[in-house]
Amino acid sequence: MDMRKLVGRNVRRIRLKKGLTQEKLVDISGFSQQYISGLEQGNRNPTVVTVYEIANALGVSHLDLLRPPKRR
């Protein structure tokens, strides 16, 4: 799986689970709206530091953003 898409899907899933809009995540994380949107679409290639900072903003482990979805 493409890691950019995986991270983006996980950011979106966790953000929605926590009831956050992209705008709220922008406020919490300090990243731009354009960056968060591109990240969630899988169009950005986040650095390790970016993954860590976004995970902190979401209140989760950085590993949560890197894990593939569980098989059902």
PDB file of N, CA and C in Angstrom:
ATOM      1  N   MET A   1       0.844  -1.189   0.000  1.00  0.00           N
ATOM      2  CA  MET A   1       0.000   0.000   0.000  1.00  0.00           C
ATOM      3  C   MET A   1       0.885   1.246   0.000  1.00  0.00           C
ATOM      4  N   ASP A   2       0.446   2.242  -0.699  1.00  0.00           N
ATOM      5  CA  ASP A   2       1.146   3.526  -0.753  1.00  0.00           C
ATOM      6  C   ASP A   2       1.098   4.186   0.632  1.00  0.00           C
ATOM      7  N   MET A   3       2.258   4.437   1.204  1.00  0.00           N
ATOM      8  CA  MET A   3       2.324   5.006   2.560  1.00  0.00           C
ATOM      9  C   MET A   3       1.683   6.386   2.649  1.00  0.00           C
ATOM     10  N   ARG A   4       1.775   7.178   1.583  1.00  0.00           N
ATOM     11  CA  ARG A   4       1.137   8.503   1.600  1.00  0.00           C
ATOM     12  C   ARG A   4      -0.367   8.364   1.754  1.00  0.00           C
ATOM     13  N   LYS A   5      -0.950   7.430   1.018  1.00  0.00           N
ATOM     14  CA  LYS A   5      -2.392   7.207   1.115  1.00  0.00           C
ATOM     15  C   LYS A   5      -2.765   6.621   2.472  1.00  0.00           C
ATOM     16  N   LEU A   6      -1.944   5.707   2.975  1.00  0.00           N
ATOM     17  CA  LEU A   6      -2.196   5.091   4.273  1.00  0.00           C
ATOM     18  C   LEU A   6      -2.209   6.143   5.381  1.00  0.00           C
ATOM     19  N   VAL A   7      -1.191   6.977   5.418  1.00  0.00           N
ATOM     20  CA  VAL A   7      -1.127   8.029   6.441  1.00  0.00           C
ATOM     21  C   VAL A   7      -2.312   8.980   6.287  1.00  0.00           C
ATOM     22  N   GLY A   8      -2.609   9.369   5.060  1.00  0.00           N
ATOM     23  CA  GLY A   8      -3.729  10.271   4.815  1.00  0.00           C
ATOM     24  C   GLY A   8      -5.052   9.706   5.270  1.00  0.00           C
ATOM     25  N   ARG A   9      -5.302   8.442   4.956  1.00  0.00           N
ATOM     26  CA  ARG A   9      -6.550   7.796   5.391  1.00  0.00           C
ATOM     27  C   ARG A   9      -6.632   7.708   6.908  1.00  0.00           C
ATOM     28  N   ASN A  10      -5.510   7.396   7.531  1.00  0.00           N
ATOM     29  CA  ASN A  10      -5.502   7.297   8.987  1.00  0.00           C
ATOM     30  C   ASN A  10      -5.722   8.657   9.648  1.00  0.00           C
ATOM     31  N   VAL A  11      -5.109   9.700   9.107  1.00  0.00           N
ATOM     32  CA  VAL A  11      -5.319  11.046   9.656  1.00  0.00           C
ATOM     33  C   VAL A  11      -6.799  11.401   9.553  1.00  0.00           C
ATOM     34  N   ARG A  12      -7.390  11.190   8.396  1.00  0.00           N
ATOM     35  CA  ARG A  12      -8.806  11.515   8.193  1.00  0.00           C
ATOM     36  C   ARG A  12      -9.704  10.697   9.117  1.00  0.00           C
ATOM     37  N   ARG A  13      -9.457   9.381   9.195  1.00  0.00           N
ATOM     38  CA  ARG A  13     -10.266   8.501  10.037  1.00  0.00           C
ATOM     39  C   ARG A  13     -10.215   8.937  11.503  1.00  0.00           C
ATOM     40  N   ILE A  14      -9.023   9.194  12.001  1.00  0.00           N
ATOM     41  CA  ILE A  14      -8.860   9.587  13.406  1.00  0.00           C
ATOM     42  C   ILE A  14      -9.456  10.972  13.644  1.00  0.00           C
ATOM     43  N   ARG A  15      -9.224  11.883  12.715  1.00  0.00           N
ATOM     44  CA  ARG A  15      -9.783  13.235  12.851  1.00  0.00           C
ATOM     45  C   ARG A  15     -11.303  13.185  12.945  1.00  0.00           C
ATOM     46  N   LEU A  16     -11.927  12.420  12.069  1.00  0.00           N
ATOM     47  CA  LEU A  16     -13.389  12.310  12.079  1.00  0.00           C
ATOM     48  C   LEU A  16     -13.889  11.594  13.338  1.00  0.00           C
ATOM     49  N   LYS A  17     -13.168  10.569  13.759  1.00  0.00           N
ATOM     50  CA  LYS A  17     -13.540   9.833  14.978  1.00  0.00           C
ATOM     51  C   LYS A  17     -13.532  10.760  16.195  1.00  0.00           C
ATOM     52  N   LYS A  18     -12.622  11.715  16.194  1.00  0.00           N
ATOM     53  CA  LYS A  18     -12.521  12.657  17.305  1.00  0.00           C
ATOM     54  C   LYS A  18     -13.436  13.871  17.122  1.00  0.00           C
ATOM     55  N   GLY A  19     -14.188  13.886  16.012  1.00  0.00           N
ATOM     56  CA  GLY A  19     -15.131  14.974  15.770  1.00  0.00           C
ATOM     57  C   GLY A  19     -14.474  16.290  15.386  1.00  0.00           C
ATOM     58  N   LEU A  20     -13.303  16.218  14.788  1.00  0.00           N
ATOM     59  CA  LEU A  20     -12.574  17.429  14.405  1.00  0.00           C
ATOM     60  C   LEU A  20     -12.774  17.742  12.921  1.00  0.00           C
ATOM     61  N   THR A  21     -12.928  18.999  12.615  1.00  0.00           N
ATOM     62  CA  THR A  21     -12.915  19.441  11.222  1.00  0.00           C
ATOM     63  C   THR A  21     -11.460  19.615  10.798  1.00  0.00           C
ATOM     64  N   GLN A  22     -11.244  19.734   9.500  1.00  0.00           N
ATOM     65  CA  GLN A  22      -9.886  20.033   9.045  1.00  0.00           C
ATOM     66  C   GLN A  22      -9.431  21.367   9.626  1.00  0.00           C
ATOM     67  N   GLU A  23     -10.345  22.327   9.697  1.00  0.00           N
ATOM     68  CA  GLU A  23      -9.995  23.650  10.224  1.00  0.00           C
ATOM     69  C   GLU A  23      -9.523  23.561  11.676  1.00  0.00           C
ATOM     70  N   LYS A  24     -10.178  22.732  12.466  1.00  0.00           N
ATOM     71  CA  LYS A  24      -9.778  22.575  13.869  1.00  0.00           C
ATOM     72  C   LYS A  24      -8.404  21.906  13.954  1.00  0.00           C
ATOM     73  N   LEU A  25      -8.175  20.898  13.107  1.00  0.00           N
ATOM     74  CA  LEU A  25      -6.868  20.247  13.090  1.00  0.00           C
ATOM     75  C   LEU A  25      -5.783  21.238  12.665  1.00  0.00           C
ATOM     76  N   VAL A  26      -6.111  22.111  11.734  1.00  0.00           N
ATOM     77  CA  VAL A  26      -5.172  23.171  11.321  1.00  0.00           C
ATOM     78  C   VAL A  26      -4.820  24.032  12.525  1.00  0.00           C
ATOM     79  N   ASP A  27      -5.827  24.446  13.291  1.00  0.00           N
ATOM     80  CA  ASP A  27      -5.593  25.282  14.476  1.00  0.00           C
ATOM     81  C   ASP A  27      -4.723  24.566  15.501  1.00  0.00           C
ATOM     82  N   ILE A  28      -5.005  23.291  15.727  1.00  0.00           N
ATOM     83  CA  ILE A  28      -4.280  22.522  16.754  1.00  0.00           C
ATOM     84  C   ILE A  28      -2.851  22.212  16.309  1.00  0.00           C
ATOM     85  N   SER A  29      -2.697  21.848  15.044  1.00  0.00           N
ATOM     86  CA  SER A  29      -1.404  21.346  14.570  1.00  0.00           C
ATOM     87  C   SER A  29      -0.457  22.438  14.084  1.00  0.00           C
ATOM     88  N   GLY A  30      -1.023  23.550  13.591  1.00  0.00           N
ATOM     89  CA  GLY A  30      -0.179  24.596  13.032  1.00  0.00           C
ATOM     90  C   GLY A  30       0.142  24.395  11.563  1.00  0.00           C
ATOM     91  N   PHE A  31      -0.310  23.285  10.969  1.00  0.00           N
ATOM     92  CA  PHE A  31      -0.110  23.068   9.541  1.00  0.00           C
ATOM     93  C   PHE A  31      -1.200  23.814   8.784  1.00  0.00           C
ATOM     94  N   SER A  32      -0.956  24.112   7.527  1.00  0.00           N
ATOM     95  CA  SER A  32      -1.924  24.858   6.732  1.00  0.00           C
ATOM     96  C   SER A  32      -3.089  23.963   6.305  1.00  0.00           C
ATOM     97  N   GLN A  33      -4.197  24.607   5.976  1.00  0.00           N
ATOM     98  CA  GLN A  33      -5.373  23.897   5.460  1.00  0.00           C
ATOM     99  C   GLN A  33      -4.996  23.122   4.198  1.00  0.00           C
ATOM    100  N   GLN A  34      -4.234  23.761   3.346  1.00  0.00           N
ATOM    101  CA  GLN A  34      -3.815  23.128   2.094  1.00  0.00           C
ATOM    102  C   GLN A  34      -2.979  21.877   2.370  1.00  0.00           C
ATOM    103  N   TYR A  35      -2.099  21.943   3.369  1.00  0.00           N
ATOM    104  CA  TYR A  35      -1.252  20.795   3.684  1.00  0.00           C
ATOM    105  C   TYR A  35      -2.091  19.644   4.230  1.00  0.00           C
ATOM    106  N   ILE A  36      -2.971  19.937   5.173  1.00  0.00           N
ATOM    107  CA  ILE A  36      -3.802  18.885   5.784  1.00  0.00           C
ATOM    108  C   ILE A  36      -4.690  18.238   4.721  1.00  0.00           C
ATOM    109  N   SER A  37      -5.283  19.049   3.871  1.00  0.00           N
ATOM    110  CA  SER A  37      -6.131  18.518   2.804  1.00  0.00           C
ATOM    111  C   SER A  37      -5.328  17.614   1.871  1.00  0.00           C
ATOM    112  N   GLY A  38      -4.177  18.073   1.446  1.00  0.00           N
ATOM    113  CA  GLY A  38      -3.316  17.274   0.573  1.00  0.00           C
ATOM    114  C   GLY A  38      -2.841  16.002   1.243  1.00  0.00           C
ATOM    115  N   LEU A  39      -2.560  16.082   2.529  1.00  0.00           N
ATOM    116  CA  LEU A  39      -2.129  14.915   3.288  1.00  0.00           C
ATOM    117  C   LEU A  39      -3.236  13.869   3.316  1.00  0.00           C
ATOM    118  N   GLU A  40      -4.450  14.292   3.645  1.00  0.00           N
ATOM    119  CA  GLU A  40      -5.570  13.364   3.724  1.00  0.00           C
ATOM    120  C   GLU A  40      -5.897  12.747   2.361  1.00  0.00           C
ATOM    121  N   GLN A  41      -5.600  13.444   1.298  1.00  0.00           N
ATOM    122  CA  GLN A  41      -5.843  12.917  -0.046  1.00  0.00           C
ATOM    123  C   GLN A  41      -4.711  11.999  -0.521  1.00  0.00           C
ATOM    124  N   GLY A  42      -3.644  11.918   0.264  1.00  0.00           N
ATOM    125  CA  GLY A  42      -2.515  11.077  -0.110  1.00  0.00           C
ATOM    126  C   GLY A  42      -1.582  11.734  -1.097  1.00  0.00           C
ATOM    127  N   ASN A  43      -1.671  13.058  -1.204  1.00  0.00           N
ATOM    128  CA  ASN A  43      -0.836  13.798  -2.148  1.00  0.00           C
ATOM    129  C   ASN A  43       0.418  14.391  -1.522  1.00  0.00           C
ATOM    130  N   ARG A  44       0.574  14.243  -0.232  1.00  0.00           N
ATOM    131  CA  ARG A  44       1.762  14.774   0.464  1.00  0.00           C
ATOM    132  C   ARG A  44       2.622  13.620   0.932  1.00  0.00           C
ATOM    133  N   ASN A  45       3.903  13.880   1.044  1.00  0.00           N
ATOM    134  CA  ASN A  45       4.855  12.892   1.526  1.00  0.00           C
ATOM    135  C   ASN A  45       5.401  13.396   2.859  1.00  0.00           C
ATOM    136  N   PRO A  46       4.690  13.116   3.966  1.00  0.00           N
ATOM    137  CA  PRO A  46       5.087  13.692   5.247  1.00  0.00           C
ATOM    138  C   PRO A  46       6.401  13.130   5.771  1.00  0.00           C
ATOM    139  N   THR A  47       7.143  13.986   6.421  1.00  0.00           N
ATOM    140  CA  THR A  47       8.378  13.547   7.080  1.00  0.00           C
ATOM    141  C   THR A  47       8.024  12.839   8.383  1.00  0.00           C
ATOM    142  N   VAL A  48       9.000  12.202   8.968  1.00  0.00           N
ATOM    143  CA  VAL A  48       8.805  11.550  10.263  1.00  0.00           C
ATOM    144  C   VAL A  48       8.377  12.582  11.307  1.00  0.00           C
ATOM    145  N   VAL A  49       8.972  13.746  11.264  1.00  0.00           N
ATOM    146  CA  VAL A  49       8.636  14.812  12.213  1.00  0.00           C
ATOM    147  C   VAL A  49       7.189  15.263  12.014  1.00  0.00           C
ATOM    148  N   THR A  50       6.761  15.402  10.762  1.00  0.00           N
ATOM    149  CA  THR A  50       5.384  15.805  10.473  1.00  0.00           C
ATOM    150  C   THR A  50       4.398  14.768  10.988  1.00  0.00           C
ATOM    151  N   VAL A  51       4.668  13.495  10.748  1.00  0.00           N
ATOM    152  CA  VAL A  51       3.792  12.425  11.252  1.00  0.00           C
ATOM    153  C   VAL A  51       3.694  12.518  12.772  1.00  0.00           C
ATOM    154  N   TYR A  52       4.818  12.718  13.422  1.00  0.00           N
ATOM    155  CA  TYR A  52       4.836  12.825  14.883  1.00  0.00           C
ATOM    156  C   TYR A  52       4.019  14.037  15.365  1.00  0.00           C
ATOM    157  N   GLU A  53       4.194  15.179  14.727  1.00  0.00           N
ATOM    158  CA  GLU A  53       3.480  16.391  15.146  1.00  0.00           C
ATOM    159  C   GLU A  53       1.981  16.292  14.905  1.00  0.00           C
ATOM    160  N   ILE A  54       1.576  15.705  13.794  1.00  0.00           N
ATOM    161  CA  ILE A  54       0.146  15.548  13.528  1.00  0.00           C
ATOM    162  C   ILE A  54      -0.457  14.534  14.487  1.00  0.00           C
ATOM    163  N   ALA A  55       0.264  13.465  14.774  1.00  0.00           N
ATOM    164  CA  ALA A  55      -0.215  12.489  15.760  1.00  0.00           C
ATOM    165  C   ALA A  55      -0.414  13.159  17.124  1.00  0.00           C
ATOM    166  N   ASN A  56       0.533  13.985  17.530  1.00  0.00           N
ATOM    167  CA  ASN A  56       0.393  14.703  18.805  1.00  0.00           C
ATOM    168  C   ASN A  56      -0.829  15.613  18.779  1.00  0.00           C
ATOM    169  N   ALA A  57      -1.049  16.298  17.667  1.00  0.00           N
ATOM    170  CA  ALA A  57      -2.209  17.183  17.545  1.00  0.00           C
ATOM    171  C   ALA A  57      -3.516  16.392  17.640  1.00  0.00           C
ATOM    172  N   LEU A  58      -3.499  15.160  17.137  1.00  0.00           N
ATOM    173  CA  LEU A  58      -4.687  14.304  17.192  1.00  0.00           C
ATOM    174  C   LEU A  58      -4.808  13.546  18.509  1.00  0.00           C
ATOM    175  N   GLY A  59      -3.752  13.590  19.312  1.00  0.00           N
ATOM    176  CA  GLY A  59      -3.768  12.893  20.602  1.00  0.00           C
ATOM    177  C   GLY A  59      -3.611  11.389  20.481  1.00  0.00           C
ATOM    178  N   VAL A  60      -2.860  10.955  19.459  1.00  0.00           N
ATOM    179  CA  VAL A  60      -2.618   9.531  19.257  1.00  0.00           C
ATOM    180  C   VAL A  60      -1.122   9.291  19.085  1.00  0.00           C
ATOM    181  N   SER A  61      -0.740   8.031  19.057  1.00  0.00           N
ATOM    182  CA  SER A  61       0.647   7.675  18.800  1.00  0.00           C
ATOM    183  C   SER A  61       0.956   7.870  17.318  1.00  0.00           C
ATOM    184  N   HIS A  62       2.186   8.220  17.030  1.00  0.00           N
ATOM    185  CA  HIS A  62       2.598   8.333  15.631  1.00  0.00           C
ATOM    186  C   HIS A  62       2.429   6.998  14.903  1.00  0.00           C
ATOM    187  N   LEU A  63       2.518   5.913  15.628  1.00  0.00           N
ATOM    188  CA  LEU A  63       2.347   4.592  15.029  1.00  0.00           C
ATOM    189  C   LEU A  63       0.923   4.377  14.528  1.00  0.00           C
ATOM    190  N   ASP A  64      -0.051   5.035  15.155  1.00  0.00           N
ATOM    191  CA  ASP A  64      -1.439   4.923  14.708  1.00  0.00           C
ATOM    192  C   ASP A  64      -1.625   5.465  13.300  1.00  0.00           C
ATOM    193  N   LEU A  65      -0.787   6.391  12.896  1.00  0.00           N
ATOM    194  CA  LEU A  65      -0.889   6.955  11.555  1.00  0.00           C
ATOM    195  C   LEU A  65      -0.212   6.077  10.510  1.00  0.00           C
ATOM    196  N   LEU A  66       0.599   5.113  10.959  1.00  0.00           N
ATOM    197  CA  LEU A  66       1.346   4.274  10.042  1.00  0.00           C
ATOM    198  C   LEU A  66       0.779   2.862   9.920  1.00  0.00           C
ATOM    199  N   ARG A  67      -0.175   2.506  10.764  1.00  0.00           N
ATOM    200  CA  ARG A  67      -0.712   1.145  10.766  1.00  0.00           C
ATOM    201  C   ARG A  67      -1.720   0.936   9.641  1.00  0.00           C
ATOM    202  N   PRO A  68      -1.591  -0.196   8.936  1.00  0.00           N
ATOM    203  CA  PRO A  68      -2.605  -0.514   7.930  1.00  0.00           C
ATOM    204  C   PRO A  68      -3.927  -0.848   8.622  1.00  0.00           C
ATOM    205  N   PRO A  69      -5.043  -0.741   7.885  1.00  0.00           N
ATOM    206  CA  PRO A  69      -6.338  -1.056   8.495  1.00  0.00           C
ATOM    207  C   PRO A  69      -6.398  -2.537   8.889  1.00  0.00           C
ATOM    208  N   LYS A  70      -7.134  -2.803   9.943  1.00  0.00           N
ATOM    209  CA  LYS A  70      -7.307  -4.189  10.388  1.00  0.00           C
ATOM    210  C   LYS A  70      -8.195  -4.925   9.394  1.00  0.00           C
ATOM    211  N   ARG A  71      -7.840  -6.167   9.143  1.00  0.00           N
ATOM    212  CA  ARG A  71      -8.654  -7.006   8.253  1.00  0.00           C
ATOM    213  C   ARG A  71      -9.859  -7.498   9.038  1.00  0.00           C
ATOM    214  N   ARG A  72     -11.002  -7.491   8.404  1.00  0.00           N
ATOM    215  CA  ARG A  72     -12.228  -7.959   9.089  1.00  0.00           C
ATOM    216  C   ARG A  72     -12.650  -9.298   8.586  1.00  0.00           C
TER     217      ARG A  72
END
